[in-house]
């Protein structure tokens, strides 16, 4: 059976407003900690992804160089074999019985010399390709080392911030969860929706100098009286934030 949040007693609108304002204070403190971290978590993730991409590319390049070097070695072996055949055919020419056999061996020698030229051409091409890839590898390794150094610095910076704020953040999250338990689901959902769309994450704001503390639009006197009475949940007609009177600041503590 699906579990739902239960409320032992229905709390008053005034208590709901106090709970919402306390929740806003706590969540704003959590936001401050996240702001302190800034873009560091994203920067760390981006660097990790970039480093993984570079390492994959380097791995592929190194494999390509190995393949080219094997091809060069194979062609050198084929040259050695061709030179051996040339020597063999040249020796056989000394023992031929007629011009036909001599010419046949000459063609074989000519063919092997052409093969050696082709092999040398391929070796030159493979060598150029391997050298080019080695230059790319060297540049990529330098970039990779630089990225790894940047990552280490940012990780150290992030870990230092997390270490300094972890205990405080855990306490704030616990407080946030505790406060949320006394707020009905419908109201909590509305609070989170407003907060996600609001500037600076402010879903609950006080009336300051006869204006909304979120969008600073003027609030009519009668509406201000309704807000001070704390008899119903009132939202700003301009920005949609939940409005509370400024006296609630003195009554609410994190």
Foldseek 3Di string as FASTA:
>chain_A
DDDDQDDPDQDALLVLLLLLVLLLVLVLVLLVLVVVLPCLVVLLVVLVVVLVVLVVVLVVLVVLLVVLVVLLVVLVVLLVVLVVLLVVLVVVLVVDDDVVSNVVSVVSNVVSVVSNVVSVVSNVVSVVVSVVSVVVSVVSVVVSVVSVVVSVVSVVVSVVSCVVCVVVSVVSVVVSVVSVSNHDPVVVVLLQVLLVPFPSSAQEAEQDPQATPGPRDHDDPVVVVVQAVSNHFDADPPRGGTYHHPVSVVVHDD
